[in-house]
Amino acid sequence: MKAVIALIAFHILIIISSNYLVQFPIALFGYQTTWGAFSFPFIFLASDLTVRLLGKQSAQRVIGYVMIPALLASYIISTLFHQGDFHGWAALLAFNSFVFRISIASFAAYVVGQLIDVHIFAHLRRNRLWWIAPSTSTIFGNLVDTFVFFSVAFWHSSNTFMAENWVEIAAVDYVIKLLISLIIFVPLYGVLLNILISKLQSQARGEAV
C-alpha cells in the first residue's frame, strides 16, 4: 500500500509538471516541440516498474486513483501559472477554457496511454530479455498518449500557434520522448529494477531469519 501511495503521488506530480511545461514550445534541431516532452516519460518508467514488481492490477489501481486528482491539480496549477506567470489566486475564479482543455486532454491521454502501456508490458514481462517489455510498451504507450493529448488539446484551439502546428509538434514530441525513453529511461528501468529486487530479497531474508 505504501508503494502504491508513493506511485500515485509521483504520477500526479509528473502530470502536473508536464501540463505546465507543455505550454512552452521550443525549437529543437529546427523542429517545434515543448518542454513537456522531457518530463512525461518518467510516468512510463514508474508504470513499468509497478507492473514488474506489484503486478498489472496494482498498476491499474494507481491509474484509477490518479485520474481525477491529477485533472483537478493540473487545472489549478496551470491556471495560476498560465504561460509561466503567476496570475494570483483570483485567476481561479474565472474559468480558463484553454487550460481546462489541456487538463482534459491530459486526462484522456494519460488513461489511454497508461492502460495500453500496462497491458503490453504485462503481456511481455516474462520475456527472457528484460528490455523487451519496457521498450515495446514505451513505444506504443507514448505514441497513443502523445497524439491523443495534442489532438484533444490543440485541434482548432484558441492558441493560433499550437492550432496550426500541433501535428508537427506532436510528431517531434513523440520522437523526443521515444529517444529519451529508449536511451535513458529503459536503461534506468533496468538499474532501478535490480536495486529494488535486491532490496526486496534482502528484506525477505531478514524476515526469514
N, C-alpha and C. Protein backbone atom coordinates (compact mmCIF):
# COMPACT_ATOMS: atom_id res chain seq x y z
N MET A 1 0.83 -1.20 0.00
CA MET A 1 0.00 0.00 0.00
C MET A 1 0.87 1.26 0.00
N LYS A 2 1.97 1.26 0.77
CA LYS A 2 2.87 2.41 0.78
C LYS A 2 3.45 2.66 -0.60
N ALA A 3 3.80 1.57 -1.28
CA ALA A 3 4.36 1.71 -2.62
C ALA A 3 3.34 2.29 -3.59
N VAL A 4 2.10 1.84 -3.48
CA VAL A 4 1.03 2.33 -4.35
C VAL A 4 0.78 3.82 -4.10
N ILE A 5 0.74 4.23 -2.84
CA ILE A 5 0.53 5.64 -2.49
C ILE A 5 1.67 6.51 -3.03
N ALA A 6 2.90 6.03 -2.90
CA ALA A 6 4.05 6.77 -3.41
C ALA A 6 3.97 6.91 -4.93
N LEU A 7 3.55 5.85 -5.61
CA LEU A 7 3.43 5.89 -7.07
C LEU A 7 2.32 6.84 -7.51
N ILE A 8 1.21 6.87 -6.77
CA ILE A 8 0.12 7.79 -7.08
C ILE A 8 0.61 9.23 -6.99
N ALA A 9 1.33 9.54 -5.91
CA ALA A 9 1.87 10.90 -5.73
C ALA A 9 2.86 11.24 -6.84
N PHE A 10 3.68 10.28 -7.22
CA PHE A 10 4.67 10.51 -8.27
C PHE A 10 3.99 10.78 -9.61
N HIS A 11 2.97 9.98 -9.94
CA HIS A 11 2.23 10.16 -11.19
C HIS A 11 1.60 11.55 -11.25
N ILE A 12 0.95 11.95 -10.16
CA ILE A 12 0.28 13.25 -10.13
C ILE A 12 1.29 14.37 -10.31
N LEU A 13 2.45 14.26 -9.65
CA LEU A 13 3.50 15.27 -9.77
C LEU A 13 3.97 15.41 -11.21
N ILE A 14 4.20 14.29 -11.90
CA ILE A 14 4.67 14.33 -13.28
C ILE A 14 3.61 14.89 -14.21
N ILE A 15 2.34 14.53 -13.99
CA ILE A 15 1.26 15.04 -14.83
C ILE A 15 1.14 16.56 -14.68
N ILE A 16 1.17 17.05 -13.45
CA ILE A 16 1.09 18.49 -13.21
C ILE A 16 2.26 19.21 -13.87
N SER A 17 3.46 18.68 -13.69
CA SER A 17 4.65 19.29 -14.28
C SER A 17 4.57 19.30 -15.80
N SER A 18 4.14 18.20 -16.39
CA SER A 18 4.08 18.09 -17.85
C SER A 18 3.01 19.01 -18.42
N ASN A 19 1.85 19.11 -17.75
CA ASN A 19 0.79 20.01 -18.22
C ASN A 19 1.24 21.47 -18.19
N TYR A 20 2.05 21.79 -17.21
CA TYR A 20 2.57 23.15 -17.12
C TYR A 20 3.63 23.38 -18.21
N LEU A 21 4.55 22.44 -18.36
CA LEU A 21 5.66 22.60 -19.30
C LEU A 21 5.23 22.54 -20.75
N VAL A 22 4.10 21.87 -21.03
CA VAL A 22 3.65 21.75 -22.42
C VAL A 22 3.17 23.10 -22.97
N GLN A 23 2.98 24.08 -22.11
CA GLN A 23 2.58 25.41 -22.56
C GLN A 23 3.74 26.19 -23.17
N PHE A 24 4.96 25.65 -23.05
CA PHE A 24 6.14 26.37 -23.52
C PHE A 24 6.78 25.64 -24.72
N PRO A 25 6.49 26.10 -25.94
CA PRO A 25 7.10 25.48 -27.13
C PRO A 25 8.57 25.85 -27.25
N ILE A 26 9.35 24.94 -27.78
CA ILE A 26 10.77 25.21 -28.04
C ILE A 26 11.12 24.65 -29.41
N ALA A 27 12.17 25.18 -30.01
CA ALA A 27 12.66 24.66 -31.28
C ALA A 27 13.86 23.76 -31.00
N LEU A 28 13.80 22.56 -31.55
CA LEU A 28 14.89 21.60 -31.34
C LEU A 28 15.31 21.05 -32.68
N PHE A 29 16.54 21.37 -33.10
CA PHE A 29 17.05 20.96 -34.41
C PHE A 29 16.13 21.42 -35.54
N GLY A 30 15.53 22.59 -35.35
CA GLY A 30 14.67 23.15 -36.38
C GLY A 30 13.23 22.69 -36.32
N TYR A 31 12.88 21.85 -35.37
CA TYR A 31 11.50 21.35 -35.23
C TYR A 31 10.88 21.87 -33.94
N GLN A 32 9.56 22.02 -33.97
CA GLN A 32 8.84 22.54 -32.82
C GLN A 32 8.43 21.42 -31.87
N THR A 33 8.68 21.62 -30.59
CA THR A 33 8.22 20.68 -29.57
C THR A 33 7.95 21.48 -28.30
N THR A 34 7.76 20.82 -27.18
CA THR A 34 7.52 21.54 -25.91
C THR A 34 8.41 20.92 -24.83
N TRP A 35 8.54 21.67 -23.71
CA TRP A 35 9.36 21.18 -22.59
C TRP A 35 8.72 19.96 -21.93
N GLY A 36 7.42 19.77 -22.14
CA GLY A 36 6.75 18.61 -21.54
C GLY A 36 7.28 17.28 -22.03
N ALA A 37 7.90 17.29 -23.20
CA ALA A 37 8.46 16.05 -23.76
C ALA A 37 9.56 15.47 -22.89
N PHE A 38 10.18 16.31 -22.06
CA PHE A 38 11.30 15.86 -21.26
C PHE A 38 10.89 15.34 -19.88
N SER A 39 9.65 15.62 -19.49
CA SER A 39 9.21 15.21 -18.15
C SER A 39 8.27 14.01 -18.16
N PHE A 40 7.42 13.90 -19.17
CA PHE A 40 6.37 12.89 -19.12
C PHE A 40 6.87 11.44 -19.16
N PRO A 41 8.00 11.12 -19.83
CA PRO A 41 8.46 9.73 -19.85
C PRO A 41 8.68 9.12 -18.48
N PHE A 42 8.84 9.95 -17.44
CA PHE A 42 9.00 9.41 -16.09
C PHE A 42 7.81 8.54 -15.69
N ILE A 43 6.61 8.87 -16.18
CA ILE A 43 5.41 8.11 -15.82
C ILE A 43 5.50 6.68 -16.34
N PHE A 44 6.00 6.51 -17.56
CA PHE A 44 6.10 5.17 -18.13
C PHE A 44 7.13 4.33 -17.37
N LEU A 45 8.20 4.98 -16.92
CA LEU A 45 9.18 4.28 -16.08
C LEU A 45 8.52 3.77 -14.80
N ALA A 46 7.74 4.64 -14.16
CA ALA A 46 7.07 4.26 -12.91
C ALA A 46 6.03 3.16 -13.14
N SER A 47 5.27 3.26 -14.22
CA SER A 47 4.24 2.26 -14.51
C SER A 47 4.85 0.88 -14.78
N ASP A 48 5.94 0.87 -15.57
CA ASP A 48 6.57 -0.41 -15.90
C ASP A 48 7.17 -1.09 -14.67
N LEU A 49 7.76 -0.29 -13.79
CA LEU A 49 8.29 -0.86 -12.55
C LEU A 49 7.15 -1.38 -11.68
N THR A 50 6.02 -0.69 -11.69
CA THR A 50 4.86 -1.13 -10.90
C THR A 50 4.36 -2.48 -11.38
N VAL A 51 4.24 -2.63 -12.70
CA VAL A 51 3.78 -3.91 -13.26
C VAL A 51 4.76 -5.02 -12.93
N ARG A 52 6.04 -4.72 -13.08
CA ARG A 52 7.06 -5.75 -12.85
C ARG A 52 7.08 -6.23 -11.40
N LEU A 53 6.97 -5.28 -10.46
CA LEU A 53 7.14 -5.62 -9.04
C LEU A 53 5.83 -5.93 -8.32
N LEU A 54 4.75 -5.23 -8.69
CA LEU A 54 3.50 -5.37 -7.96
C LEU A 54 2.37 -6.01 -8.77
N GLY A 55 2.57 -6.12 -10.08
CA GLY A 55 1.56 -6.76 -10.91
C GLY A 55 0.67 -5.79 -11.66
N LYS A 56 -0.04 -6.31 -12.65
CA LYS A 56 -0.88 -5.50 -13.52
C LYS A 56 -2.01 -4.81 -12.76
N GLN A 57 -2.63 -5.52 -11.82
CA GLN A 57 -3.76 -4.95 -11.08
C GLN A 57 -3.34 -3.74 -10.25
N SER A 58 -2.17 -3.80 -9.63
CA SER A 58 -1.69 -2.67 -8.85
C SER A 58 -1.44 -1.46 -9.74
N ALA A 59 -0.88 -1.70 -10.93
CA ALA A 59 -0.63 -0.60 -11.86
C ALA A 59 -1.95 0.03 -12.31
N GLN A 60 -2.95 -0.79 -12.58
CA GLN A 60 -4.25 -0.26 -12.98
C GLN A 60 -4.92 0.48 -11.83
N ARG A 61 -4.69 0.04 -10.61
CA ARG A 61 -5.23 0.72 -9.43
C ARG A 61 -4.61 2.12 -9.30
N VAL A 62 -3.31 2.21 -9.54
CA VAL A 62 -2.63 3.50 -9.50
C VAL A 62 -3.26 4.45 -10.52
N ILE A 63 -3.47 3.97 -11.75
CA ILE A 63 -4.06 4.79 -12.81
C ILE A 63 -5.44 5.28 -12.39
N GLY A 64 -6.24 4.38 -11.81
CA GLY A 64 -7.58 4.75 -11.38
C GLY A 64 -7.59 5.82 -10.31
N TYR A 65 -6.69 5.72 -9.35
CA TYR A 65 -6.61 6.69 -8.27
C TYR A 65 -6.06 8.04 -8.73
N VAL A 66 -5.23 8.03 -9.76
CA VAL A 66 -4.55 9.25 -10.19
C VAL A 66 -5.46 10.15 -11.03
N MET A 67 -6.38 9.58 -11.78
CA MET A 67 -7.09 10.31 -12.84
C MET A 67 -7.71 11.63 -12.38
N ILE A 68 -8.64 11.58 -11.43
CA ILE A 68 -9.37 12.78 -11.03
C ILE A 68 -8.49 13.79 -10.28
N PRO A 69 -7.70 13.35 -9.27
CA PRO A 69 -6.82 14.33 -8.60
C PRO A 69 -5.86 15.02 -9.56
N ALA A 70 -5.34 14.27 -10.53
CA ALA A 70 -4.40 14.86 -11.49
C ALA A 70 -5.11 15.88 -12.37
N LEU A 71 -6.34 15.58 -12.76
CA LEU A 71 -7.12 16.51 -13.58
C LEU A 71 -7.35 17.83 -12.85
N LEU A 72 -7.79 17.74 -11.60
CA LEU A 72 -8.07 18.95 -10.82
C LEU A 72 -6.79 19.74 -10.53
N ALA A 73 -5.75 19.01 -10.09
CA ALA A 73 -4.49 19.69 -9.75
C ALA A 73 -3.86 20.34 -10.98
N SER A 74 -3.95 19.67 -12.13
CA SER A 74 -3.38 20.22 -13.36
C SER A 74 -4.07 21.53 -13.73
N TYR A 75 -5.40 21.55 -13.60
CA TYR A 75 -6.13 22.77 -13.95
C TYR A 75 -5.76 23.91 -13.01
N ILE A 76 -5.69 23.63 -11.73
CA ILE A 76 -5.38 24.67 -10.75
C ILE A 76 -3.99 25.25 -10.96
N ILE A 77 -2.99 24.38 -11.08
CA ILE A 77 -1.60 24.84 -11.24
C ILE A 77 -1.42 25.58 -12.57
N SER A 78 -1.99 25.02 -13.64
CA SER A 78 -1.82 25.64 -14.96
C SER A 78 -2.57 26.97 -15.06
N THR A 79 -3.67 27.12 -14.30
CA THR A 79 -4.39 28.39 -14.29
C THR A 79 -3.62 29.45 -13.51
N LEU A 80 -3.09 29.06 -12.37
CA LEU A 80 -2.33 30.00 -11.54
C LEU A 80 -1.06 30.48 -12.23
N PHE A 81 -0.41 29.57 -12.98
CA PHE A 81 0.87 29.90 -13.61
C PHE A 81 0.76 29.83 -15.13
N HIS A 82 -0.34 30.32 -15.67
CA HIS A 82 -0.56 30.26 -17.12
C HIS A 82 0.55 30.99 -17.87
N GLN A 83 1.18 30.27 -18.83
CA GLN A 83 2.27 30.80 -19.65
C GLN A 83 3.46 31.29 -18.82
N GLY A 84 3.62 30.67 -17.64
CA GLY A 84 4.81 30.94 -16.84
C GLY A 84 4.71 32.07 -15.85
N ASP A 85 3.63 32.81 -15.88
CA ASP A 85 3.46 33.94 -14.95
C ASP A 85 2.42 33.60 -13.89
N PHE A 86 2.70 34.02 -12.65
CA PHE A 86 1.73 33.79 -11.57
C PHE A 86 0.62 34.84 -11.67
N HIS A 87 -0.62 34.38 -11.80
CA HIS A 87 -1.75 35.28 -12.02
C HIS A 87 -2.56 35.54 -10.75
N GLY A 88 -2.12 34.98 -9.62
CA GLY A 88 -2.83 35.22 -8.37
C GLY A 88 -4.00 34.28 -8.19
N TRP A 89 -4.42 34.12 -6.95
CA TRP A 89 -5.49 33.18 -6.64
C TRP A 89 -6.82 33.58 -7.27
N ALA A 90 -6.96 34.87 -7.57
CA ALA A 90 -8.20 35.34 -8.19
C ALA A 90 -8.41 34.72 -9.57
N ALA A 91 -7.33 34.24 -10.19
CA ALA A 91 -7.45 33.62 -11.52
C ALA A 91 -8.33 32.38 -11.49
N LEU A 92 -8.42 31.74 -10.33
CA LEU A 92 -9.24 30.52 -10.22
C LEU A 92 -10.73 30.84 -10.25
N LEU A 93 -11.08 32.10 -10.03
CA LEU A 93 -12.50 32.49 -10.02
C LEU A 93 -13.04 32.63 -11.44
N ALA A 94 -12.15 32.80 -12.42
CA ALA A 94 -12.57 32.90 -13.82
C ALA A 94 -12.20 31.61 -14.54
N PHE A 95 -13.16 31.00 -15.20
CA PHE A 95 -12.92 29.73 -15.89
C PHE A 95 -11.99 29.95 -17.08
N ASN A 96 -10.90 29.18 -17.14
CA ASN A 96 -9.93 29.27 -18.23
C ASN A 96 -10.13 28.08 -19.16
N SER A 97 -10.81 28.31 -20.26
CA SER A 97 -11.17 27.21 -21.18
C SER A 97 -9.93 26.58 -21.82
N PHE A 98 -8.90 27.41 -22.09
CA PHE A 98 -7.68 26.89 -22.72
C PHE A 98 -6.97 25.91 -21.80
N VAL A 99 -6.80 26.31 -20.54
CA VAL A 99 -6.14 25.44 -19.56
C VAL A 99 -6.99 24.21 -19.27
N PHE A 100 -8.31 24.40 -19.19
CA PHE A 100 -9.19 23.26 -18.92
C PHE A 100 -9.10 22.23 -20.04
N ARG A 101 -9.01 22.71 -21.27
CA ARG A 101 -8.89 21.79 -22.41
C ARG A 101 -7.59 21.00 -22.33
N ILE A 102 -6.51 21.65 -21.91
CA ILE A 102 -5.24 20.94 -21.74
C ILE A 102 -5.38 19.87 -20.65
N SER A 103 -6.09 20.21 -19.57
CA SER A 103 -6.29 19.26 -18.47
C SER A 103 -7.11 18.05 -18.92
N ILE A 104 -8.16 18.31 -19.70
CA ILE A 104 -8.98 17.22 -20.23
C ILE A 104 -8.17 16.35 -21.18
N ALA A 105 -7.36 17.00 -22.02
CA ALA A 105 -6.52 16.25 -22.96
C ALA A 105 -5.53 15.38 -22.21
N SER A 106 -4.96 15.93 -21.15
CA SER A 106 -4.02 15.17 -20.33
C SER A 106 -4.72 13.97 -19.68
N PHE A 107 -5.93 14.21 -19.21
CA PHE A 107 -6.72 13.14 -18.59
C PHE A 107 -6.93 11.99 -19.57
N ALA A 108 -7.41 12.32 -20.78
CA ALA A 108 -7.68 11.29 -21.79
C ALA A 108 -6.41 10.58 -22.22
N ALA A 109 -5.35 11.35 -22.47
CA ALA A 109 -4.09 10.76 -22.93
C ALA A 109 -3.48 9.88 -21.86
N TYR A 110 -3.51 10.34 -20.63
CA TYR A 110 -2.93 9.57 -19.53
C TYR A 110 -3.63 8.22 -19.38
N VAL A 111 -4.96 8.24 -19.34
CA VAL A 111 -5.72 6.99 -19.13
C VAL A 111 -5.48 6.01 -20.28
N VAL A 112 -5.64 6.47 -21.50
CA VAL A 112 -5.49 5.58 -22.66
C VAL A 112 -4.05 5.10 -22.80
N GLY A 113 -3.11 6.05 -22.73
CA GLY A 113 -1.70 5.69 -22.90
C GLY A 113 -1.19 4.75 -21.83
N GLN A 114 -1.58 5.00 -20.57
CA GLN A 114 -1.10 4.16 -19.48
C GLN A 114 -1.72 2.77 -19.50
N LEU A 115 -2.99 2.68 -19.85
CA LEU A 115 -3.63 1.36 -19.93
C LEU A 115 -3.00 0.52 -21.03
N ILE A 116 -2.68 1.15 -22.15
CA ILE A 116 -2.00 0.43 -23.24
C ILE A 116 -0.61 0.01 -22.79
N ASP A 117 0.11 0.92 -22.16
CA ASP A 117 1.46 0.62 -21.67
C ASP A 117 1.44 -0.56 -20.69
N VAL A 118 0.52 -0.51 -19.74
CA VAL A 118 0.43 -1.57 -18.72
C VAL A 118 0.05 -2.90 -19.36
N HIS A 119 -0.90 -2.88 -20.29
CA HIS A 119 -1.34 -4.12 -20.93
C HIS A 119 -0.21 -4.76 -21.73
N ILE A 120 0.49 -3.96 -22.52
CA ILE A 120 1.60 -4.51 -23.33
C ILE A 120 2.72 -5.01 -22.43
N PHE A 121 3.07 -4.22 -21.42
CA PHE A 121 4.15 -4.63 -20.53
C PHE A 121 3.80 -5.93 -19.81
N ALA A 122 2.57 -6.03 -19.30
CA ALA A 122 2.15 -7.24 -18.58
C ALA A 122 2.21 -8.46 -19.49
N HIS A 123 1.89 -8.27 -20.76
CA HIS A 123 1.90 -9.38 -21.72
C HIS A 123 3.33 -9.84 -22.03
N LEU A 124 4.28 -8.90 -22.00
CA LEU A 124 5.66 -9.22 -22.40
C LEU A 124 6.63 -9.36 -21.24
N ARG A 125 6.16 -9.18 -20.02
CA ARG A 125 7.07 -9.09 -18.87
C ARG A 125 7.86 -10.37 -18.62
N ARG A 126 7.37 -11.51 -19.07
CA ARG A 126 8.06 -12.78 -18.81
C ARG A 126 9.08 -13.13 -19.89
N ASN A 127 9.27 -12.25 -20.84
CA ASN A 127 10.29 -12.48 -21.85
C ASN A 127 11.66 -12.53 -21.19
N ARG A 128 12.51 -13.42 -21.65
CA ARG A 128 13.84 -13.60 -21.04
C ARG A 128 14.70 -12.35 -21.16
N LEU A 129 14.47 -11.56 -22.20
CA LEU A 129 15.21 -10.32 -22.37
C LEU A 129 14.47 -9.21 -21.64
N TRP A 130 15.04 -8.70 -20.55
CA TRP A 130 14.34 -7.78 -19.67
C TRP A 130 13.90 -6.49 -20.34
N TRP A 131 14.61 -6.07 -21.39
CA TRP A 131 14.35 -4.77 -22.02
C TRP A 131 13.22 -4.81 -23.04
N ILE A 132 12.77 -6.01 -23.44
CA ILE A 132 11.72 -6.11 -24.46
C ILE A 132 10.42 -5.47 -23.97
N ALA A 133 9.99 -5.80 -22.76
CA ALA A 133 8.71 -5.29 -22.24
C ALA A 133 8.71 -3.77 -22.09
N PRO A 134 9.69 -3.16 -21.40
CA PRO A 134 9.65 -1.71 -21.25
C PRO A 134 9.82 -0.96 -22.57
N SER A 135 10.63 -1.50 -23.47
CA SER A 135 10.85 -0.82 -24.76
C SER A 135 9.58 -0.84 -25.60
N THR A 136 8.95 -2.00 -25.71
CA THR A 136 7.75 -2.12 -26.55
C THR A 136 6.59 -1.32 -25.98
N SER A 137 6.37 -1.43 -24.67
CA SER A 137 5.26 -0.70 -24.06
C SER A 137 5.48 0.81 -24.16
N THR A 138 6.73 1.24 -24.06
CA THR A 138 7.04 2.67 -24.18
C THR A 138 6.79 3.18 -25.58
N ILE A 139 7.16 2.40 -26.58
CA ILE A 139 6.96 2.81 -27.98
C ILE A 139 5.48 3.05 -28.27
N PHE A 140 4.64 2.09 -27.91
CA PHE A 140 3.22 2.21 -28.23
C PHE A 140 2.47 3.10 -27.25
N GLY A 141 2.82 3.04 -25.99
CA GLY A 141 2.16 3.87 -24.99
C GLY A 141 2.40 5.35 -25.26
N ASN A 142 3.64 5.72 -25.55
CA ASN A 142 3.96 7.11 -25.84
C ASN A 142 3.31 7.60 -27.13
N LEU A 143 3.23 6.71 -28.12
CA LEU A 143 2.61 7.09 -29.40
C LEU A 143 1.15 7.48 -29.19
N VAL A 144 0.40 6.62 -28.53
CA VAL A 144 -1.02 6.89 -28.30
C VAL A 144 -1.18 8.11 -27.39
N ASP A 145 -0.44 8.13 -26.30
CA ASP A 145 -0.53 9.23 -25.35
C ASP A 145 -0.29 10.58 -26.01
N THR A 146 0.76 10.67 -26.81
CA THR A 146 1.16 11.95 -27.41
C THR A 146 0.09 12.48 -28.36
N PHE A 147 -0.39 11.62 -29.26
CA PHE A 147 -1.33 12.12 -30.28
C PHE A 147 -2.74 12.31 -29.72
N VAL A 148 -3.12 11.54 -28.72
CA VAL A 148 -4.39 11.81 -28.05
C VAL A 148 -4.32 13.17 -27.36
N PHE A 149 -3.23 13.42 -26.65
CA PHE A 149 -3.10 14.68 -25.93
C PHE A 149 -3.14 15.88 -26.87
N PHE A 150 -2.29 15.90 -27.88
CA PHE A 150 -2.19 17.09 -28.73
C PHE A 150 -3.44 17.30 -29.58
N SER A 151 -4.08 16.22 -30.03
CA SER A 151 -5.30 16.40 -30.82
C SER A 151 -6.43 16.97 -29.98
N VAL A 152 -6.59 16.46 -28.76
CA VAL A 152 -7.66 16.95 -27.89
C VAL A 152 -7.35 18.37 -27.41
N ALA A 153 -6.09 18.64 -27.09
CA ALA A 153 -5.73 19.94 -26.51
C ALA A 153 -5.68 21.07 -27.53
N PHE A 154 -5.23 20.81 -28.75
CA PHE A 154 -4.89 21.93 -29.62
C PHE A 154 -5.56 21.93 -31.00
N TRP A 155 -6.33 20.91 -31.34
CA TRP A 155 -7.03 20.93 -32.63
C TRP A 155 -8.09 22.04 -32.59
N HIS A 156 -7.99 23.00 -33.49
CA HIS A 156 -8.88 24.17 -33.51
C HIS A 156 -8.84 24.91 -32.18
N SER A 157 -7.67 24.99 -31.57
CA SER A 157 -7.51 25.66 -30.29
C SER A 157 -7.53 27.18 -30.45
N SER A 158 -7.79 27.88 -29.35
CA SER A 158 -7.74 29.34 -29.36
C SER A 158 -6.31 29.85 -29.47
N ASN A 159 -5.35 28.98 -29.16
CA ASN A 159 -3.94 29.30 -29.32
C ASN A 159 -3.57 29.05 -30.79
N THR A 160 -3.45 30.14 -31.56
CA THR A 160 -3.25 30.03 -33.01
C THR A 160 -2.00 29.23 -33.37
N PHE A 161 -0.91 29.52 -32.68
CA PHE A 161 0.35 28.83 -32.98
C PHE A 161 0.20 27.32 -32.79
N MET A 162 -0.34 26.89 -31.65
CA MET A 162 -0.50 25.47 -31.38
C MET A 162 -1.53 24.83 -32.30
N ALA A 163 -2.58 25.56 -32.64
CA ALA A 163 -3.61 25.03 -33.53
C ALA A 163 -3.04 24.74 -34.92
N GLU A 164 -2.12 25.59 -35.37
CA GLU A 164 -1.54 25.43 -36.71
C GLU A 164 -0.39 24.43 -36.75
N ASN A 165 0.25 24.20 -35.62
CA ASN A 165 1.48 23.39 -35.62
C ASN A 165 1.40 22.13 -34.76
N TRP A 166 0.21 21.78 -34.24
CA TRP A 166 0.16 20.69 -33.26
C TRP A 166 0.59 19.34 -33.84
N VAL A 167 0.33 19.09 -35.12
CA VAL A 167 0.73 17.79 -35.70
C VAL A 167 2.24 17.66 -35.72
N GLU A 168 2.90 18.73 -36.19
CA GLU A 168 4.37 18.72 -36.20
C GLU A 168 4.93 18.63 -34.79
N ILE A 169 4.37 19.43 -33.90
CA ILE A 169 4.84 19.43 -32.52
C ILE A 169 4.64 18.07 -31.88
N ALA A 170 3.48 17.44 -32.14
CA ALA A 170 3.20 16.11 -31.58
C ALA A 170 4.19 15.08 -32.10
N ALA A 171 4.48 15.13 -33.41
CA ALA A 171 5.41 14.17 -34.01
C ALA A 171 6.81 14.32 -33.42
N VAL A 172 7.28 15.57 -33.34
CA VAL A 172 8.60 15.81 -32.77
C VAL A 172 8.62 15.44 -31.29
N ASP A 173 7.53 15.79 -30.59
CA ASP A 173 7.39 15.46 -29.18
C ASP A 173 7.50 13.96 -28.96
N TYR A 174 6.84 13.20 -29.83
CA TYR A 174 6.88 11.73 -29.72
C TYR A 174 8.29 11.20 -29.96
N VAL A 175 8.95 11.71 -30.98
CA VAL A 175 10.31 11.26 -31.29
C VAL A 175 11.25 11.55 -30.11
N ILE A 176 11.11 12.76 -29.55
CA ILE A 176 11.96 13.13 -28.41
C ILE A 176 11.68 12.23 -27.21
N LYS A 177 10.39 12.02 -26.91
CA LYS A 177 10.02 11.13 -25.81
C LYS A 177 10.60 9.73 -26.03
N LEU A 178 10.50 9.27 -27.27
CA LEU A 178 10.98 7.92 -27.59
C LEU A 178 12.48 7.82 -27.40
N LEU A 179 13.22 8.80 -27.90
CA LEU A 179 14.68 8.79 -27.76
C LEU A 179 15.08 8.86 -26.29
N ILE A 180 14.43 9.76 -25.56
CA ILE A 180 14.75 9.90 -24.14
C ILE A 180 14.45 8.60 -23.41
N SER A 181 13.31 7.99 -23.73
CA SER A 181 12.90 6.76 -23.04
C SER A 181 13.83 5.61 -23.35
N LEU A 182 14.16 5.43 -24.63
CA LEU A 182 14.98 4.28 -25.03
C LEU A 182 16.45 4.44 -24.63
N ILE A 183 16.93 5.69 -24.67
CA ILE A 183 18.34 5.92 -24.35
C ILE A 183 18.57 6.06 -22.85
N ILE A 184 17.63 6.67 -22.15
CA ILE A 184 17.82 6.96 -20.72
C ILE A 184 16.94 6.10 -19.83
N PHE A 185 15.61 6.11 -20.10
CA PHE A 185 14.68 5.52 -19.14
C PHE A 185 14.65 3.99 -19.16
N VAL A 186 14.82 3.37 -20.31
CA VAL A 186 14.85 1.90 -20.33
C VAL A 186 16.07 1.37 -19.59
N PRO A 187 17.29 1.92 -19.85
CA PRO A 187 18.44 1.50 -19.02
C PRO A 187 18.24 1.83 -17.54
N LEU A 188 17.65 2.99 -17.25
CA LEU A 188 17.38 3.36 -15.86
C LEU A 188 16.40 2.39 -15.23
N TYR A 189 15.43 1.95 -16.02
CA TYR A 189 14.49 0.93 -15.55
C TYR A 189 15.24 -0.32 -15.11
N GLY A 190 16.20 -0.77 -15.93
CA GLY A 190 16.97 -1.96 -15.59
C GLY A 190 17.76 -1.79 -14.30
N VAL A 191 18.36 -0.61 -14.14
CA VAL A 191 19.15 -0.33 -12.92
C VAL A 191 18.25 -0.33 -11.69
N LEU A 192 17.13 0.42 -11.78
CA LEU A 192 16.21 0.51 -10.64
C LEU A 192 15.59 -0.84 -10.31
N LEU A 193 15.29 -1.62 -11.34
CA LEU A 193 14.70 -2.94 -11.12
C LEU A 193 15.66 -3.82 -10.32
N ASN A 194 16.94 -3.82 -10.69
CA ASN A 194 17.92 -4.63 -9.96
C ASN A 194 18.07 -4.15 -8.52
N ILE A 195 18.07 -2.82 -8.33
CA ILE A 195 18.19 -2.28 -6.97
C ILE A 195 16.99 -2.68 -6.12
N LEU A 196 15.78 -2.54 -6.67
CA LEU A 196 14.57 -2.85 -5.92
C LEU A 196 14.45 -4.34 -5.62
N ILE A 197 14.81 -5.17 -6.60
CA ILE A 197 14.76 -6.62 -6.38
C ILE A 197 15.75 -7.03 -5.29
N SER A 198 16.96 -6.47 -5.34
CA SER A 198 17.96 -6.78 -4.31
C SER A 198 17.48 -6.35 -2.93
N LYS A 199 16.83 -5.19 -2.87
CA LYS A 199 16.31 -4.69 -1.59
C LYS A 199 15.21 -5.59 -1.06
N LEU A 200 14.30 -6.00 -1.96
CA LEU A 200 13.22 -6.88 -1.55
C LEU A 200 13.73 -8.25 -1.09
N GLN A 201 14.75 -8.75 -1.80
CA GLN A 201 15.34 -10.03 -1.42
C GLN A 201 16.02 -9.94 -0.07
N SER A 202 16.70 -8.82 0.18
CA SER A 202 17.36 -8.63 1.47
C SER A 202 16.35 -8.56 2.60
N GLN A 203 15.23 -7.87 2.36
CA GLN A 203 14.18 -7.79 3.36
C GLN A 203 13.57 -9.16 3.62
N ALA A 204 13.39 -9.94 2.55
CA ALA A 204 12.81 -11.27 2.69
C ALA A 204 13.72 -12.18 3.51
N ARG A 205 15.04 -12.07 3.26
CA ARG A 205 15.99 -12.89 4.03
C ARG A 205 16.00 -12.47 5.47
N GLY A 206 15.91 -11.14 5.73
CA GLY A 206 15.88 -10.66 7.09
C GLY A 206 14.65 -11.13 7.85
N GLU A 207 13.50 -11.13 7.17
CA GLU A 207 12.26 -11.60 7.81
C GLU A 207 12.31 -13.10 8.08
N ALA A 208 12.98 -13.82 7.14
CA ALA A 208 13.07 -15.28 7.29
C ALA A 208 13.92 -15.63 8.50
N VAL A 209 14.98 -14.84 8.74
CA VAL A 209 15.84 -15.07 9.89
C VAL A 209 15.10 -14.74 11.18
